[in-house]
Amino acid sequence: MARTDVRSYESKMNIRDDIKQLKTGDRDLRKFGLLVGGVFAVFGIIVLLRHKAHYPYFLWPGAVLIAFGAILPRALKYVYLAWMSVAFVLGFVVSHLILGLFFFLVITPIGWAARLSGKDFLSLKLDRPAKSYWIPRDRKAKPAADYEKQF
């Protein structure tokens, strides 16, 4: 593996670099304030309409985010960075957790069942008397329609 390949792989796995590359211009911060604040406000209104006592915990932060997003988006820079930091960390943890669980709970039992039943999906068993492992294919010419819609 070349040196640049290692660096590019490491940078893909580094959350700190992802956070440093976030755009924090006025337009991006305004969009964040209005969108996230709007979602919080709508959720707060829904909770209010259902007569629940905890609606202010959603409605007030939503209103503050909307106000700062509309009037002074620069004030939301650190809120945005904190929000996105939590999002990156949660995304990293959840994706790896889901992939790990999928591997150990789905792929591994399939592999065990295949081994127990003698199934060789990749034809990896050694066949000493075989002259070649080449799999012959039909030499028939395919019609042009088979090449146009391959899937």
C-alpha atoms as a PDB file:
ATOM      1  CA  MET A   1       0.000   0.000   0.000  1.00  0.00           C
ATOM      2  CA  ALA A   2       1.447   3.364  -0.983  1.00  0.00           C
ATOM      3  CA  ARG A   3       2.015   6.087   1.583  1.00  0.00           C
ATOM      4  CA  THR A   4      -0.760   8.289   0.154  1.00  0.00           C
ATOM      5  CA  ASP A   5      -3.205   5.399   0.389  1.00  0.00           C
ATOM      6  CA  VAL A   6      -2.534   5.047   4.103  1.00  0.00           C
ATOM      7  CA  ARG A   7      -3.036   8.759   4.666  1.00  0.00           C
ATOM      8  CA  SER A   8      -6.274   8.849   2.711  1.00  0.00           C
ATOM      9  CA  TYR A   9      -7.592   5.850   4.654  1.00  0.00           C
ATOM     10  CA  GLU A  10      -6.641   7.401   7.988  1.00  0.00           C
ATOM     11  CA  SER A  11      -8.307  10.695   7.090  1.00  0.00           C
ATOM     12  CA  LYS A  12     -11.528   8.883   6.243  1.00  0.00           C
ATOM     13  CA  MET A  13     -11.596   7.437   9.736  1.00  0.00           C
ATOM     14  CA  ASN A  14     -10.735  10.672  11.571  1.00  0.00           C
ATOM     15  CA  ILE A  15     -13.755  12.471  12.991  1.00  0.00           C
ATOM     16  CA  ARG A  16     -11.658  15.496  13.976  1.00  0.00           C
ATOM     17  CA  ASP A  17     -10.747  16.151  10.332  1.00  0.00           C
ATOM     18  CA  ASP A  18     -14.397  15.851   9.326  1.00  0.00           C
ATOM     19  CA  ILE A  19     -15.325  18.453  11.905  1.00  0.00           C
ATOM     20  CA  LYS A  20     -12.531  20.776  10.732  1.00  0.00           C
ATOM     21  CA  GLN A  21     -13.858  20.571   7.166  1.00  0.00           C
ATOM     22  CA  LEU A  22     -17.345  21.758   8.122  1.00  0.00           C
ATOM     23  CA  LYS A  23     -18.477  24.932   6.389  1.00  0.00           C
ATOM     24  CA  THR A  24     -19.296  27.627   8.933  1.00  0.00           C
ATOM     25  CA  GLY A  25     -20.293  30.457   6.644  1.00  0.00           C
ATOM     26  CA  ASP A  26     -23.312  32.642   7.373  1.00  0.00           C
ATOM     27  CA  ARG A  27     -25.421  30.777   4.833  1.00  0.00           C
ATOM     28  CA  ASP A  28     -24.628  27.377   6.357  1.00  0.00           C
ATOM     29  CA  LEU A  29     -25.213  28.576   9.907  1.00  0.00           C
ATOM     30  CA  ARG A  30     -28.485  30.229   8.899  1.00  0.00           C
ATOM     31  CA  LYS A  31     -29.621  27.030   7.247  1.00  0.00           C
ATOM     32  CA  PHE A  32     -28.712  25.065  10.392  1.00  0.00           C
ATOM     33  CA  GLY A  33     -30.527  27.485  12.709  1.00  0.00           C
ATOM     34  CA  LEU A  34     -33.676  27.606  10.648  1.00  0.00           C
ATOM     35  CA  LEU A  35     -33.831  23.888   9.901  1.00  0.00           C
ATOM     36  CA  VAL A  36     -32.958  22.474  13.325  1.00  0.00           C
ATOM     37  CA  GLY A  37     -34.836  25.249  15.100  1.00  0.00           C
ATOM     38  CA  GLY A  38     -37.844  24.641  12.883  1.00  0.00           C
ATOM     39  CA  VAL A  39     -37.835  20.928  13.647  1.00  0.00           C
ATOM     40  CA  PHE A  40     -37.554  21.615  17.379  1.00  0.00           C
ATOM     41  CA  ALA A  41     -40.320  24.221  17.214  1.00  0.00           C
ATOM     42  CA  VAL A  42     -42.666  21.967  15.239  1.00  0.00           C
ATOM     43  CA  PHE A  43     -42.013  19.121  17.655  1.00  0.00           C
ATOM     44  CA  GLY A  44     -42.642  21.482  20.582  1.00  0.00           C
ATOM     45  CA  ILE A  45     -45.935  22.616  19.043  1.00  0.00           C
ATOM     46  CA  ILE A  46     -47.008  19.007  18.509  1.00  0.00           C
ATOM     47  CA  VAL A  47     -46.208  18.235  22.141  1.00  0.00           C
ATOM     48  CA  LEU A  48     -48.083  21.379  23.220  1.00  0.00           C
ATOM     49  CA  LEU A  49     -51.156  20.371  21.200  1.00  0.00           C
ATOM     50  CA  ARG A  50     -51.107  16.989  22.935  1.00  0.00           C
ATOM     51  CA  HIS A  51     -51.262  18.843  26.258  1.00  0.00           C
ATOM     52  CA  LYS A  52     -47.932  17.577  27.558  1.00  0.00           C
ATOM     53  CA  ALA A  53     -46.060  19.653  30.137  1.00  0.00           C
ATOM     54  CA  HIS A  54     -42.609  19.248  28.573  1.00  0.00           C
ATOM     55  CA  TYR A  55     -43.286  21.273  25.404  1.00  0.00           C
ATOM     56  CA  PRO A  56     -41.045  24.224  26.483  1.00  0.00           C
ATOM     57  CA  TYR A  57     -37.975  21.960  26.326  1.00  0.00           C
ATOM     58  CA  PHE A  58     -38.455  21.770  22.571  1.00  0.00           C
ATOM     59  CA  LEU A  59     -40.288  24.968  21.719  1.00  0.00           C
ATOM     60  CA  TRP A  60     -37.898  27.456  23.352  1.00  0.00           C
ATOM     61  CA  PRO A  61     -34.649  26.056  21.941  1.00  0.00           C
ATOM     62  CA  GLY A  62     -36.360  25.899  18.552  1.00  0.00           C
ATOM     63  CA  ALA A  63     -37.440  29.520  18.798  1.00  0.00           C
ATOM     64  CA  VAL A  64     -33.956  30.617  19.888  1.00  0.00           C
ATOM     65  CA  LEU A  65     -32.311  28.710  17.015  1.00  0.00           C
ATOM     66  CA  ILE A  66     -34.746  30.195  14.509  1.00  0.00           C
ATOM     67  CA  ALA A  67     -34.220  33.713  15.874  1.00  0.00           C
ATOM     68  CA  PHE A  68     -30.423  33.482  15.811  1.00  0.00           C
ATOM     69  CA  GLY A  69     -30.504  31.761  12.427  1.00  0.00           C
ATOM     70  CA  ALA A  70     -32.565  34.586  10.958  1.00  0.00           C
ATOM     71  CA  ILE A  71     -30.922  37.541  12.718  1.00  0.00           C
ATOM     72  CA  LEU A  72     -27.390  36.623  13.802  1.00  0.00           C
ATOM     73  CA  PRO A  73     -26.243  33.300  12.306  1.00  0.00           C
ATOM     74  CA  ARG A  74     -22.603  33.823  13.411  1.00  0.00           C
ATOM     75  CA  ALA A  75     -23.708  33.272  17.026  1.00  0.00           C
ATOM     76  CA  LEU A  76     -24.624  29.679  16.136  1.00  0.00           C
ATOM     77  CA  LYS A  77     -21.112  28.650  15.091  1.00  0.00           C
ATOM     78  CA  TYR A  78     -20.190  26.764  18.266  1.00  0.00           C
ATOM     79  CA  VAL A  79     -23.671  25.310  18.659  1.00  0.00           C
ATOM     80  CA  TYR A  80     -23.404  24.041  15.077  1.00  0.00           C
ATOM     81  CA  LEU A  81     -19.941  22.574  15.654  1.00  0.00           C
ATOM     82  CA  ALA A  82     -21.080  20.857  18.861  1.00  0.00           C
ATOM     83  CA  TRP A  83     -24.214  19.520  17.148  1.00  0.00           C
ATOM     84  CA  MET A  84     -22.246  18.161  14.198  1.00  0.00           C
ATOM     85  CA  SER A  85     -19.549  16.704  16.478  1.00  0.00           C
ATOM     86  CA  VAL A  86     -22.178  14.709  18.315  1.00  0.00           C
ATOM     87  CA  ALA A  87     -23.696  13.694  14.960  1.00  0.00           C
ATOM     88  CA  PHE A  88     -20.338  12.468  13.598  1.00  0.00           C
ATOM     89  CA  VAL A  89     -19.536  10.506  16.749  1.00  0.00           C
ATOM     90  CA  LEU A  90     -23.009   8.933  16.867  1.00  0.00           C
ATOM     91  CA  GLY A  91     -22.826   8.096  13.166  1.00  0.00           C
ATOM     92  CA  PHE A  92     -19.421   6.462  13.585  1.00  0.00           C
ATOM     93  CA  VAL A  93     -20.473   4.424  16.612  1.00  0.00           C
ATOM     94  CA  VAL A  94     -23.868   3.386  15.265  1.00  0.00           C
ATOM     95  CA  SER A  95     -22.609   2.412  11.817  1.00  0.00           C
ATOM     96  CA  HIS A  96     -19.804   0.303  13.243  1.00  0.00           C
ATOM     97  CA  LEU A  97     -22.123  -1.219  15.826  1.00  0.00           C
ATOM     98  CA  ILE A  98     -24.722  -2.108  13.197  1.00  0.00           C
ATOM     99  CA  LEU A  99     -22.130  -3.537  10.827  1.00  0.00           C
ATOM    100  CA  GLY A 100     -20.534  -5.540  13.637  1.00  0.00           C
ATOM    101  CA  LEU A 101     -23.866  -6.910  14.809  1.00  0.00           C
ATOM    102  CA  PHE A 102     -24.864  -7.729  11.228  1.00  0.00           C
ATOM    103  CA  PHE A 103     -21.633  -9.621  10.688  1.00  0.00           C
ATOM    104  CA  PHE A 104     -21.789 -11.616  13.907  1.00  0.00           C
ATOM    105  CA  LEU A 105     -25.559 -12.212  13.946  1.00  0.00           C
ATOM    106  CA  VAL A 106     -26.210 -12.800  10.216  1.00  0.00           C
ATOM    107  CA  ILE A 107     -23.062 -13.538   8.210  1.00  0.00           C
ATOM    108  CA  THR A 108     -21.329 -15.745  10.808  1.00  0.00           C
ATOM    109  CA  PRO A 109     -24.308 -18.119  11.332  1.00  0.00           C
ATOM    110  CA  ILE A 110     -24.709 -18.413   7.556  1.00  0.00           C
ATOM    111  CA  GLY A 111     -21.034 -19.365   7.278  1.00  0.00           C
ATOM    112  CA  TRP A 112     -21.356 -21.907  10.097  1.00  0.00           C
ATOM    113  CA  ALA A 113     -24.476 -23.438   8.521  1.00  0.00           C
ATOM    114  CA  ALA A 114     -22.734 -23.622   5.150  1.00  0.00           C
ATOM    115  CA  ARG A 115     -19.712 -25.358   6.677  1.00  0.00           C
ATOM    116  CA  LEU A 116     -21.886 -27.826   8.570  1.00  0.00           C
ATOM    117  CA  SER A 117     -23.837 -28.672   5.413  1.00  0.00           C
ATOM    118  CA  GLY A 118     -20.667 -28.946   3.299  1.00  0.00           C
ATOM    119  CA  LYS A 119     -21.580 -26.035   1.008  1.00  0.00           C
ATOM    120  CA  ASP A 120     -18.612 -24.365  -0.707  1.00  0.00           C
ATOM    121  CA  PHE A 121     -19.907 -21.062  -2.118  1.00  0.00           C
ATOM    122  CA  LEU A 122     -16.575 -20.047  -3.657  1.00  0.00           C
ATOM    123  CA  SER A 123     -15.414 -23.494  -4.801  1.00  0.00           C
ATOM    124  CA  LEU A 124     -12.339 -23.325  -2.582  1.00  0.00           C
ATOM    125  CA  LYS A 125     -11.976 -27.071  -1.951  1.00  0.00           C
ATOM    126  CA  LEU A 126      -8.791 -28.514  -3.363  1.00  0.00           C
ATOM    127  CA  ASP A 127      -9.360 -31.084  -6.114  1.00  0.00           C
ATOM    128  CA  ARG A 128      -6.005 -32.830  -6.653  1.00  0.00           C
ATOM    129  CA  PRO A 129      -6.946 -34.863  -9.756  1.00  0.00           C
ATOM    130  CA  ALA A 130      -8.279 -31.782 -11.563  1.00  0.00           C
ATOM    131  CA  LYS A 131      -6.029 -30.506 -14.351  1.00  0.00           C
ATOM    132  CA  SER A 132      -7.393 -26.972 -14.069  1.00  0.00           C
ATOM    133  CA  TYR A 133      -9.843 -24.962 -12.046  1.00  0.00           C
ATOM    134  CA  TRP A 134     -11.010 -23.100 -15.127  1.00  0.00           C
ATOM    135  CA  ILE A 135     -14.803 -23.081 -15.463  1.00  0.00           C
ATOM    136  CA  PRO A 136     -15.756 -23.508 -19.126  1.00  0.00           C
ATOM    137  CA  ARG A 137     -18.435 -21.199 -20.498  1.00  0.00           C
ATOM    138  CA  ASP A 138     -20.776 -21.578 -23.445  1.00  0.00           C
ATOM    139  CA  ARG A 139     -19.409 -20.252 -26.693  1.00  0.00           C
ATOM    140  CA  LYS A 140     -22.850 -19.290 -27.991  1.00  0.00           C
ATOM    141  CA  ALA A 141     -23.132 -15.696 -29.168  1.00  0.00           C
ATOM    142  CA  LYS A 142     -25.602 -13.738 -27.099  1.00  0.00           C
ATOM    143  CA  PRO A 143     -28.244 -11.574 -28.718  1.00  0.00           C
ATOM    144  CA  ALA A 144     -27.697  -7.800 -28.625  1.00  0.00           C
ATOM    145  CA  ALA A 145     -30.646  -7.352 -26.264  1.00  0.00           C
ATOM    146  CA  ASP A 146     -28.724  -9.203 -23.529  1.00  0.00           C
ATOM    147  CA  TYR A 147     -26.058  -6.498 -23.614  1.00  0.00           C
ATOM    148  CA  GLU A 148     -28.487  -3.607 -23.474  1.00  0.00           C
ATOM    149  CA  LYS A 149     -30.374  -4.647 -20.331  1.00  0.00           C
ATOM    150  CA  GLN A 150     -27.805  -6.483 -18.260  1.00  0.00           C
ATOM    151  CA  PHE A 151     -29.626  -6.333 -14.946  1.00  0.00           C
END
